[in-house]
Each structure stands twice: as structure tokens, then as C-alpha cells.
């Protein structure tokens, strides 16, 4: 993309679409959620270089990204994926999947199908009932 010597960390994280806005990227850096591979917290103005490894804590998950290319402008997602290599461990990705499943929206009902009947509602409640005894056995608590 560009032959830059270094790009601000917040700007790079925003441009690879890791954060939706540059303000969120800056706030994340200021809060201490962005570190290099040595564990040093990076300020928003810290410069990234090709080959740097960044550890970013987002939604309770530690993402590890290696800088492959420096960009300072926000680009299409397809081009942004080429600018970094994801080194995130499998265990952290599992946490992300669980977080994503937990934060999904509510149930979906086709438009025009009307309100659920009493029978539909009862079936849905029976389906959603969770037996906590099975939970203890499954996780060996």
C-alpha cells in the first residue's frame, strides 16, 4: 500500500478495521489495552513498524497481530486483512466464539408470521429451559 517508515498505533488499528472508529482505538491505547510483544503498554502515538507484534485486549480476549504492512488510511476489509497476520492462540479464539454466541440478538421470527401462539410460546420456553445440574456435571464444578 504505502512505503511508510512508521504509523501511529491507533491509526493503524483503525485502518485495518480492528476498531470501528479511531476514537475507540485511541481510547483503547490510553486504557492500556494495546501492548507490544514485550508487554509494554503503547500510547496512541507510538509508531508501529513492519514485523511488530501487538497484543490487544478487546471484549476480554487477547488478540495477537503481527504487522505485515503499514497503512494510514482506512481501506476495504479484504485489503485490510493483508496488512496483518493473526497470531491469536486457539484458546483465545474459543473465548471469542463464546462471547459472540452470548451476545447475539434475540430470537428471529419471519415477517408476516404474526405473534406466537400460546403453544409456540410454551414450546420456545421448554426449549430454552436450562438444567443447571447438567451444567455442573459437564464442567466438573
Protein backbone atom coordinates (compact mmCIF):
# COMPACT_ATOMS: atom_id res chain seq x y z
CA UNK A 1 0.00 0.00 0.00
CA UNK A 2 2.32 2.73 1.29
CA UNK A 3 6.04 2.81 1.85
CA UNK A 4 5.82 4.38 5.30
CA UNK A 5 8.51 4.12 7.97
CA UNK A 6 6.02 4.03 10.82
CA UNK A 7 2.34 4.65 11.54
CA UNK A 8 0.64 5.60 14.80
CA UNK A 9 -0.74 2.53 16.58
CA UNK A 10 -4.25 3.94 16.94
CA UNK A 11 -4.35 4.95 13.30
CA UNK A 12 -3.11 1.54 12.13
CA UNK A 13 -5.64 -0.35 14.28
CA UNK A 14 -8.43 1.82 12.90
CA UNK A 15 -7.24 1.48 9.30
CA UNK A 16 -7.10 -2.35 9.44
CA UNK A 17 -10.67 -2.24 10.78
CA UNK A 18 -9.87 -3.68 14.19
CA UNK A 19 -11.80 -0.78 15.72
CA UNK A 20 -14.84 0.88 14.23
CA UNK A 21 -13.64 4.42 14.94
CA UNK A 22 -10.28 5.99 15.52
CA UNK A 23 -11.54 7.35 18.82
CA UNK A 24 -12.19 3.80 20.05
CA UNK A 25 -8.67 2.80 19.00
CA UNK A 26 -7.19 5.81 20.81
CA UNK A 27 -9.22 5.17 23.96
CA UNK A 28 -8.14 1.52 23.93
CA UNK A 29 -4.50 2.57 23.80
CA UNK A 30 -4.98 5.13 26.58
CA UNK A 31 -6.68 2.49 28.75
CA UNK A 32 -3.68 0.17 28.42
CA UNK A 33 -5.33 -2.48 26.27
CA UNK A 34 -2.72 -2.30 23.48
CA UNK A 35 0.73 -3.72 24.22
CA UNK A 36 3.70 -4.89 22.24
CA UNK A 37 5.03 -8.45 22.47
CA UNK A 38 7.32 -7.42 25.36
CA UNK A 39 4.31 -6.41 27.47
CA UNK A 40 4.93 -2.66 27.24
CA UNK A 41 1.74 -0.61 27.04
CA UNK A 42 1.68 1.52 23.91
CA UNK A 43 0.45 5.08 23.77
CA UNK A 44 -1.78 6.04 20.82
CA UNK A 45 1.10 7.99 19.27
CA UNK A 46 3.55 5.06 19.39
CA UNK A 47 4.74 4.06 15.95
CA UNK A 48 4.30 0.60 14.52
CA UNK A 49 6.75 -0.93 12.12
CA UNK A 50 6.60 -3.97 9.88
CA UNK A 51 7.21 -7.09 11.94
CA UNK A 52 5.90 -5.65 15.23
CA UNK A 53 3.61 -7.90 17.26
CA UNK A 54 0.72 -6.19 19.03
CA UNK A 55 -1.34 -7.77 21.82
CA UNK A 56 -4.75 -6.11 22.01
CA UNK A 57 -7.33 -6.83 24.71
CA UNK A 58 -10.83 -6.39 23.34
CA UNK A 59 -14.01 -7.73 24.96
CA UNK A 60 -11.95 -9.81 27.40
CA UNK A 61 -10.00 -11.55 24.64
CA UNK A 62 -6.28 -11.07 23.94
CA UNK A 63 -5.73 -10.77 20.20
CA UNK A 64 -2.18 -11.02 18.83
CA UNK A 65 -1.48 -9.36 15.50
CA UNK A 66 1.76 -9.17 13.54
CA UNK A 67 2.16 -6.07 11.36
CA UNK A 68 2.75 -7.11 7.73
CA UNK A 69 2.05 -3.82 6.00
CA UNK A 70 1.72 -0.23 7.12
CA UNK A 71 -1.35 1.72 6.10
CA UNK A 72 -2.64 5.03 7.39
CA UNK A 73 -5.97 5.22 5.55
CA UNK A 74 -8.98 3.01 6.14
CA UNK A 75 -9.33 0.51 3.29
CA UNK A 76 -11.70 -2.28 2.30
CA UNK A 77 -11.82 -5.25 4.67
CA UNK A 78 -10.30 -7.54 2.03
CA UNK A 79 -7.26 -5.27 1.68
CA UNK A 80 -7.02 -4.68 5.43
CA UNK A 81 -6.68 -8.42 6.14
CA UNK A 82 -3.46 -8.47 4.10
CA UNK A 83 -1.86 -5.89 6.40
CA UNK A 84 -1.63 -8.16 9.45
CA UNK A 85 -1.14 -11.79 10.39
CA UNK A 86 -3.34 -13.12 13.18
CA UNK A 87 -1.26 -14.91 15.84
CA UNK A 88 -4.12 -15.22 18.34
CA UNK A 89 -3.95 -18.55 20.22
CA UNK A 90 -6.76 -21.06 19.70
CA UNK A 91 -7.89 -20.76 23.34
CA UNK A 92 -8.48 -17.02 22.92
CA UNK A 93 -10.43 -17.61 19.70
CA UNK A 94 -12.69 -20.06 21.56
CA UNK A 95 -13.39 -17.32 24.12
CA UNK A 96 -14.29 -15.02 21.24
CA UNK A 97 -16.72 -17.58 19.80
CA UNK A 98 -18.41 -18.00 23.19
CA UNK A 99 -18.62 -14.23 23.64
CA UNK A 100 -20.12 -13.85 20.17
CA UNK A 101 -22.73 -16.54 20.82
CA UNK A 102 -23.66 -14.97 24.15
CA UNK A 103 -24.12 -11.51 22.63
CA UNK A 104 -26.31 -12.48 19.71
CA UNK A 105 -29.63 -10.80 19.29
CA UNK A 106 -32.96 -12.19 20.33
CA UNK A 107 -34.87 -14.87 18.52
CA UNK A 108 -35.82 -14.19 14.96
CA UNK A 109 -39.34 -14.58 13.63
CA UNK A 110 -40.25 -14.32 9.97
CA UNK A 111 -42.05 -11.16 8.97
CA UNK A 112 -45.76 -11.68 8.48
CA UNK A 113 -45.95 -14.82 10.62
CA UNK A 114 -47.71 -12.90 13.38
CA UNK A 115 -47.41 -13.23 17.10
CA UNK A 116 -46.53 -16.63 18.52
CA UNK A 117 -49.46 -18.66 19.74
CA UNK A 118 -49.67 -19.91 23.29
CA UNK A 119 -48.44 -23.31 22.06
CA UNK A 120 -45.49 -21.70 20.22
CA UNK A 121 -44.54 -19.72 23.29
CA UNK A 122 -44.63 -22.79 25.54
CA UNK A 123 -42.53 -24.80 23.09
CA UNK A 124 -39.98 -22.00 22.97
CA UNK A 125 -39.85 -21.74 26.77
CA UNK A 126 -39.41 -25.52 27.08
CA UNK A 127 -36.62 -25.38 24.54
CA UNK A 128 -34.84 -22.57 26.39
CA UNK A 129 -35.12 -24.12 29.88
CA UNK A 130 -31.66 -24.90 31.17
CA UNK A 131 -30.98 -27.64 33.71
CA UNK A 132 -28.20 -26.40 35.99
CA UNK A 133 -27.50 -29.92 37.32
CA UNK A 134 -26.25 -30.93 33.87
CA UNK A 135 -24.08 -27.79 33.85
CA UNK A 136 -22.22 -28.93 36.98
CA UNK A 137 -21.58 -32.40 35.53
CA UNK A 138 -20.42 -31.01 32.21
CA UNK A 139 -17.88 -28.58 33.65
CA UNK A 140 -16.88 -30.72 36.69
CA UNK A 141 -17.59 -27.97 39.21
